[in-house]
Amino acid sequence: MKVKRIVANVETQNISKARYFYGEVLGLDQLMDMGFIATYGSNEKMDTQISFLSEG
């Protein structure tokens, strides 16, 4: 079996701060936003993703 991606899920109570840092500062694209969970990533050299969730 080949691993295609690993996504880290990080708990936060302030998703907007994560949005600013990972989106604006690091320049990652927002791949998903469901209100309580948002995923950022890039396909530049390799698939990189990180998710932030406030519940669950």
PDB file of N, CA and C in Angstrom:
ATOM      1  N   MET A   1       0.840  -1.177   0.000  1.00  0.00           N
ATOM      2  CA  MET A   1       0.000   0.000   0.000  1.00  0.00           C
ATOM      3  C   MET A   1       0.887   1.243   0.000  1.00  0.00           C
ATOM      4  N   LYS A   2       0.581   2.190  -0.844  1.00  0.00           N
ATOM      5  CA  LYS A   2       1.330   3.430  -0.942  1.00  0.00           C
ATOM      6  C   LYS A   2       0.591   4.544  -0.205  1.00  0.00           C
ATOM      7  N   VAL A   3       1.288   5.258   0.659  1.00  0.00           N
ATOM      8  CA  VAL A   3       0.705   6.400   1.362  1.00  0.00           C
ATOM      9  C   VAL A   3       0.663   7.573   0.395  1.00  0.00           C
ATOM     10  N   LYS A   4      -0.523   8.141   0.200  1.00  0.00           N
ATOM     11  CA  LYS A   4      -0.680   9.251  -0.726  1.00  0.00           C
ATOM     12  C   LYS A   4      -0.607  10.594  -0.031  1.00  0.00           C
ATOM     13  N   ARG A   5      -1.020  10.663   1.222  1.00  0.00           N
ATOM     14  CA  ARG A   5      -0.922  11.915   1.968  1.00  0.00           C
ATOM     15  C   ARG A   5      -1.122  11.660   3.448  1.00  0.00           C
ATOM     16  N   ILE A   6      -0.580  12.539   4.228  1.00  0.00           N
ATOM     17  CA  ILE A   6      -0.781  12.547   5.676  1.00  0.00           C
ATOM     18  C   ILE A   6      -1.250  13.941   6.026  1.00  0.00           C
ATOM     19  N   VAL A   7      -2.375  14.038   6.716  1.00  0.00           N
ATOM     20  CA  VAL A   7      -2.939  15.329   7.094  1.00  0.00           C
ATOM     21  C   VAL A   7      -2.931  15.435   8.610  1.00  0.00           C
ATOM     22  N   ALA A   8      -2.263  16.447   9.117  1.00  0.00           N
ATOM     23  CA  ALA A   8      -2.261  16.701  10.559  1.00  0.00           C
ATOM     24  C   ALA A   8      -3.520  17.469  10.929  1.00  0.00           C
ATOM     25  N   ASN A   9      -4.208  17.050  11.991  1.00  0.00           N
ATOM     26  CA  ASN A   9      -5.373  17.761  12.507  1.00  0.00           C
ATOM     27  C   ASN A   9      -4.985  18.417  13.814  1.00  0.00           C
ATOM     28  N   VAL A  10      -5.126  19.734  13.885  1.00  0.00           N
ATOM     29  CA  VAL A  10      -4.717  20.510  15.045  1.00  0.00           C
ATOM     30  C   VAL A  10      -5.942  21.175  15.651  1.00  0.00           C
ATOM     31  N   GLU A  11      -6.161  20.958  16.951  1.00  0.00           N
ATOM     32  CA  GLU A  11      -7.294  21.591  17.631  1.00  0.00           C
ATOM     33  C   GLU A  11      -6.987  23.058  17.891  1.00  0.00           C
ATOM     34  N   THR A  12      -7.957  23.917  17.629  1.00  0.00           N
ATOM     35  CA  THR A  12      -7.827  25.343  17.911  1.00  0.00           C
ATOM     36  C   THR A  12      -9.191  25.922  18.236  1.00  0.00           C
ATOM     37  N   GLN A  13      -9.224  26.927  19.070  1.00  0.00           N
ATOM     38  CA  GLN A  13     -10.467  27.633  19.358  1.00  0.00           C
ATOM     39  C   GLN A  13     -10.602  28.885  18.497  1.00  0.00           C
ATOM     40  N   ASN A  14      -9.565  29.208  17.718  1.00  0.00           N
ATOM     41  CA  ASN A  14      -9.586  30.397  16.876  1.00  0.00           C
ATOM     42  C   ASN A  14      -9.087  30.057  15.472  1.00  0.00           C
ATOM     43  N   ILE A  15     -10.004  29.568  14.647  1.00  0.00           N
ATOM     44  CA  ILE A  15      -9.649  29.154  13.288  1.00  0.00           C
ATOM     45  C   ILE A  15      -9.213  30.354  12.449  1.00  0.00           C
ATOM     46  N   SER A  16      -9.699  31.564  12.768  1.00  0.00           N
ATOM     47  CA  SER A  16      -9.314  32.743  11.977  1.00  0.00           C
ATOM     48  C   SER A  16      -7.825  33.052  12.125  1.00  0.00           C
ATOM     49  N   LYS A  17      -7.242  32.798  13.290  1.00  0.00           N
ATOM     50  CA  LYS A  17      -5.797  32.999  13.452  1.00  0.00           C
ATOM     51  C   LYS A  17      -5.022  31.973  12.620  1.00  0.00           C
ATOM     52  N   ALA A  18      -5.501  30.749  12.588  1.00  0.00           N
ATOM     53  CA  ALA A  18      -4.871  29.728  11.750  1.00  0.00           C
ATOM     54  C   ALA A  18      -5.003  30.113  10.282  1.00  0.00           C
ATOM     55  N   ARG A  19      -6.168  30.629   9.891  1.00  0.00           N
ATOM     56  CA  ARG A  19      -6.403  31.062   8.504  1.00  0.00           C
ATOM     57  C   ARG A  19      -5.400  32.145   8.121  1.00  0.00           C
ATOM     58  N   TYR A  20      -5.184  33.107   9.003  1.00  0.00           N
ATOM     59  CA  TYR A  20      -4.238  34.184   8.708  1.00  0.00           C
ATOM     60  C   TYR A  20      -2.819  33.634   8.560  1.00  0.00           C
ATOM     61  N   PHE A  21      -2.376  32.848   9.528  1.00  0.00           N
ATOM     62  CA  PHE A  21      -0.994  32.375   9.507  1.00  0.00           C
ATOM     63  C   PHE A  21      -0.719  31.439   8.336  1.00  0.00           C
ATOM     64  N   TYR A  22      -1.530  30.410   8.170  1.00  0.00           N
ATOM     65  CA  TYR A  22      -1.256  29.418   7.136  1.00  0.00           C
ATOM     66  C   TYR A  22      -1.640  29.909   5.739  1.00  0.00           C
ATOM     67  N   GLY A  23      -2.655  30.758   5.662  1.00  0.00           N
ATOM     68  CA  GLY A  23      -3.071  31.284   4.360  1.00  0.00           C
ATOM     69  C   GLY A  23      -2.277  32.494   3.921  1.00  0.00           C
ATOM     70  N   GLU A  24      -2.194  33.499   4.789  1.00  0.00           N
ATOM     71  CA  GLU A  24      -1.534  34.750   4.423  1.00  0.00           C
ATOM     72  C   GLU A  24      -0.020  34.706   4.608  1.00  0.00           C
ATOM     73  N   VAL A  25       0.434  34.233   5.752  1.00  0.00           N
ATOM     74  CA  VAL A  25       1.871  34.242   6.043  1.00  0.00           C
ATOM     75  C   VAL A  25       2.599  33.152   5.262  1.00  0.00           C
ATOM     76  N   LEU A  26       2.120  31.906   5.315  1.00  0.00           N
ATOM     77  CA  LEU A  26       2.801  30.807   4.629  1.00  0.00           C
ATOM     78  C   LEU A  26       2.356  30.630   3.182  1.00  0.00           C
ATOM     79  N   GLY A  27       1.234  31.221   2.802  1.00  0.00           N
ATOM     80  CA  GLY A  27       0.781  31.165   1.417  1.00  0.00           C
ATOM     81  C   GLY A  27       0.128  29.868   0.986  1.00  0.00           C
ATOM     82  N   LEU A  28      -0.379  29.081   1.945  1.00  0.00           N
ATOM     83  CA  LEU A  28      -1.072  27.843   1.583  1.00  0.00           C
ATOM     84  C   LEU A  28      -2.480  28.160   1.095  1.00  0.00           C
ATOM     85  N   ASP A  29      -3.003  27.318   0.221  1.00  0.00           N
ATOM     86  CA  ASP A  29      -4.367  27.476  -0.292  1.00  0.00           C
ATOM     87  C   ASP A  29      -5.356  26.858   0.679  1.00  0.00           C
ATOM     88  N   GLN A  30      -6.521  27.497   0.809  1.00  0.00           N
ATOM     89  CA  GLN A  30      -7.578  26.896   1.622  1.00  0.00           C
ATOM     90  C   GLN A  30      -8.266  25.846   0.757  1.00  0.00           C
ATOM     91  N   LEU A  31      -8.188  24.591   1.179  1.00  0.00           N
ATOM     92  CA  LEU A  31      -8.736  23.482   0.414  1.00  0.00           C
ATOM     93  C   LEU A  31     -10.151  23.119   0.843  1.00  0.00           C
ATOM     94  N   MET A  32     -10.485  23.425   2.102  1.00  0.00           N
ATOM     95  CA  MET A  32     -11.804  23.080   2.635  1.00  0.00           C
ATOM     96  C   MET A  32     -12.100  23.994   3.812  1.00  0.00           C
ATOM     97  N   ASP A  33     -13.362  24.398   3.959  1.00  0.00           N
ATOM     98  CA  ASP A  33     -13.810  25.159   5.129  1.00  0.00           C
ATOM     99  C   ASP A  33     -15.250  24.778   5.425  1.00  0.00           C
ATOM    100  N   MET A  34     -15.437  24.067   6.532  1.00  0.00           N
ATOM    101  CA  MET A  34     -16.779  23.649   6.932  1.00  0.00           C
ATOM    102  C   MET A  34     -17.213  24.368   8.212  1.00  0.00           C
ATOM    103  N   GLY A  35     -16.590  25.493   8.530  1.00  0.00           N
ATOM    104  CA  GLY A  35     -16.944  26.240   9.724  1.00  0.00           C
ATOM    105  C   GLY A  35     -16.179  25.779  10.950  1.00  0.00           C
ATOM    106  N   PHE A  36     -16.288  24.503  11.288  1.00  0.00           N
ATOM    107  CA  PHE A  36     -15.608  23.970  12.464  1.00  0.00           C
ATOM    108  C   PHE A  36     -14.281  23.314  12.112  1.00  0.00           C
ATOM    109  N   ILE A  37     -14.018  23.113  10.822  1.00  0.00           N
ATOM    110  CA  ILE A  37     -12.744  22.545  10.369  1.00  0.00           C
ATOM    111  C   ILE A  37     -12.354  23.209   9.051  1.00  0.00           C
ATOM    112  N   ALA A  38     -11.077  23.580   8.949  1.00  0.00           N
ATOM    113  CA  ALA A  38     -10.550  24.189   7.732  1.00  0.00           C
ATOM    114  C   ALA A  38      -9.231  23.502   7.392  1.00  0.00           C
ATOM    115  N   THR A  39      -9.030  23.206   6.110  1.00  0.00           N
ATOM    116  CA  THR A  39      -7.822  22.529   5.662  1.00  0.00           C
ATOM    117  C   THR A  39      -7.069  23.429   4.685  1.00  0.00           C
ATOM    118  N   TYR A  40      -5.763  23.501   4.859  1.00  0.00           N
ATOM    119  CA  TYR A  40      -4.888  24.297   4.004  1.00  0.00           C
ATOM    120  C   TYR A  40      -3.845  23.383   3.401  1.00  0.00           C
ATOM    121  N   GLY A  41      -3.398  23.702   2.207  1.00  0.00           N
ATOM    122  CA  GLY A  41      -2.409  22.847   1.584  1.00  0.00           C
ATOM    123  C   GLY A  41      -1.785  23.460   0.355  1.00  0.00           C
ATOM    124  N   SER A  42      -0.902  22.685  -0.263  1.00  0.00           N
ATOM    125  CA  SER A  42      -0.194  23.117  -1.454  1.00  0.00           C
ATOM    126  C   SER A  42       0.165  21.888  -2.282  1.00  0.00           C
ATOM    127  N   ASN A  43       0.182  22.047  -3.578  1.00  0.00           N
ATOM    128  CA  ASN A  43       0.586  20.976  -4.489  1.00  0.00           C
ATOM    129  C   ASN A  43       1.864  21.333  -5.232  1.00  0.00           C
ATOM    130  N   GLU A  44       2.617  22.298  -4.721  1.00  0.00           N
ATOM    131  CA  GLU A  44       3.825  22.769  -5.400  1.00  0.00           C
ATOM    132  C   GLU A  44       4.817  21.640  -5.660  1.00  0.00           C
ATOM    133  N   LYS A  45       5.465  21.110  -4.627  1.00  0.00           N
ATOM    134  CA  LYS A  45       6.445  20.038  -4.793  1.00  0.00           C
ATOM    135  C   LYS A  45       5.885  18.699  -4.344  1.00  0.00           C
ATOM    136  N   MET A  46       5.059  18.714  -3.326  1.00  0.00           N
ATOM    137  CA  MET A  46       4.426  17.504  -2.832  1.00  0.00           C
ATOM    138  C   MET A  46       3.131  17.907  -2.151  1.00  0.00           C
ATOM    139  N   ASP A  47       2.239  16.970  -2.003  1.00  0.00           N
ATOM    140  CA  ASP A  47       0.983  17.265  -1.322  1.00  0.00           C
ATOM    141  C   ASP A  47       1.260  17.516   0.153  1.00  0.00           C
ATOM    142  N   THR A  48       0.969  18.729   0.599  1.00  0.00           N
ATOM    143  CA  THR A  48       1.123  19.112   1.991  1.00  0.00           C
ATOM    144  C   THR A  48      -0.217  19.619   2.460  1.00  0.00           C
ATOM    145  N   GLN A  49      -0.701  19.110   3.579  1.00  0.00           N
ATOM    146  CA  GLN A  49      -1.983  19.570   4.106  1.00  0.00           C
ATOM    147  C   GLN A  49      -1.930  19.614   5.618  1.00  0.00           C
ATOM    148  N   ILE A  50      -2.705  20.561   6.184  1.00  0.00           N
ATOM    149  CA  ILE A  50      -2.886  20.645   7.632  1.00  0.00           C
ATOM    150  C   ILE A  50      -4.311  21.125   7.865  1.00  0.00           C
ATOM    151  N   SER A  51      -4.973  20.549   8.856  1.00  0.00           N
ATOM    152  CA  SER A  51      -6.357  20.925   9.177  1.00  0.00           C
ATOM    153  C   SER A  51      -6.422  21.463  10.590  1.00  0.00           C
ATOM    154  N   PHE A  52      -7.321  22.427  10.803  1.00  0.00           N
ATOM    155  CA  PHE A  52      -7.581  22.989  12.117  1.00  0.00           C
ATOM    156  C   PHE A  52      -9.055  22.806  12.428  1.00  0.00           C
ATOM    157  N   LEU A  53      -9.344  22.273  13.609  1.00  0.00           N
ATOM    158  CA  LEU A  53     -10.730  22.059  13.960  1.00  0.00           C
ATOM    159  C   LEU A  53     -11.008  22.575  15.362  1.00  0.00           C
ATOM    160  N   SER A  54     -12.242  23.067  15.551  1.00  0.00           N
ATOM    161  CA  SER A  54     -12.636  23.625  16.837  1.00  0.00           C
ATOM    162  C   SER A  54     -13.579  22.702  17.593  1.00  0.00           C
ATOM    163  N   GLU A  55     -14.028  21.625  16.956  1.00  0.00           N
ATOM    164  CA  GLU A  55     -14.871  20.646  17.628  1.00  0.00           C
ATOM    165  C   GLU A  55     -14.672  19.283  16.999  1.00  0.00           C
ATOM    166  N   GLY A  56     -15.120  18.250  17.685  1.00  0.00           N
ATOM    167  CA  GLY A  56     -15.003  16.903  17.160  1.00  0.00           C
ATOM    168  C   GLY A  56     -13.807  16.249  17.680  1.00  0.00           C
TER     169      GLY A  56
END
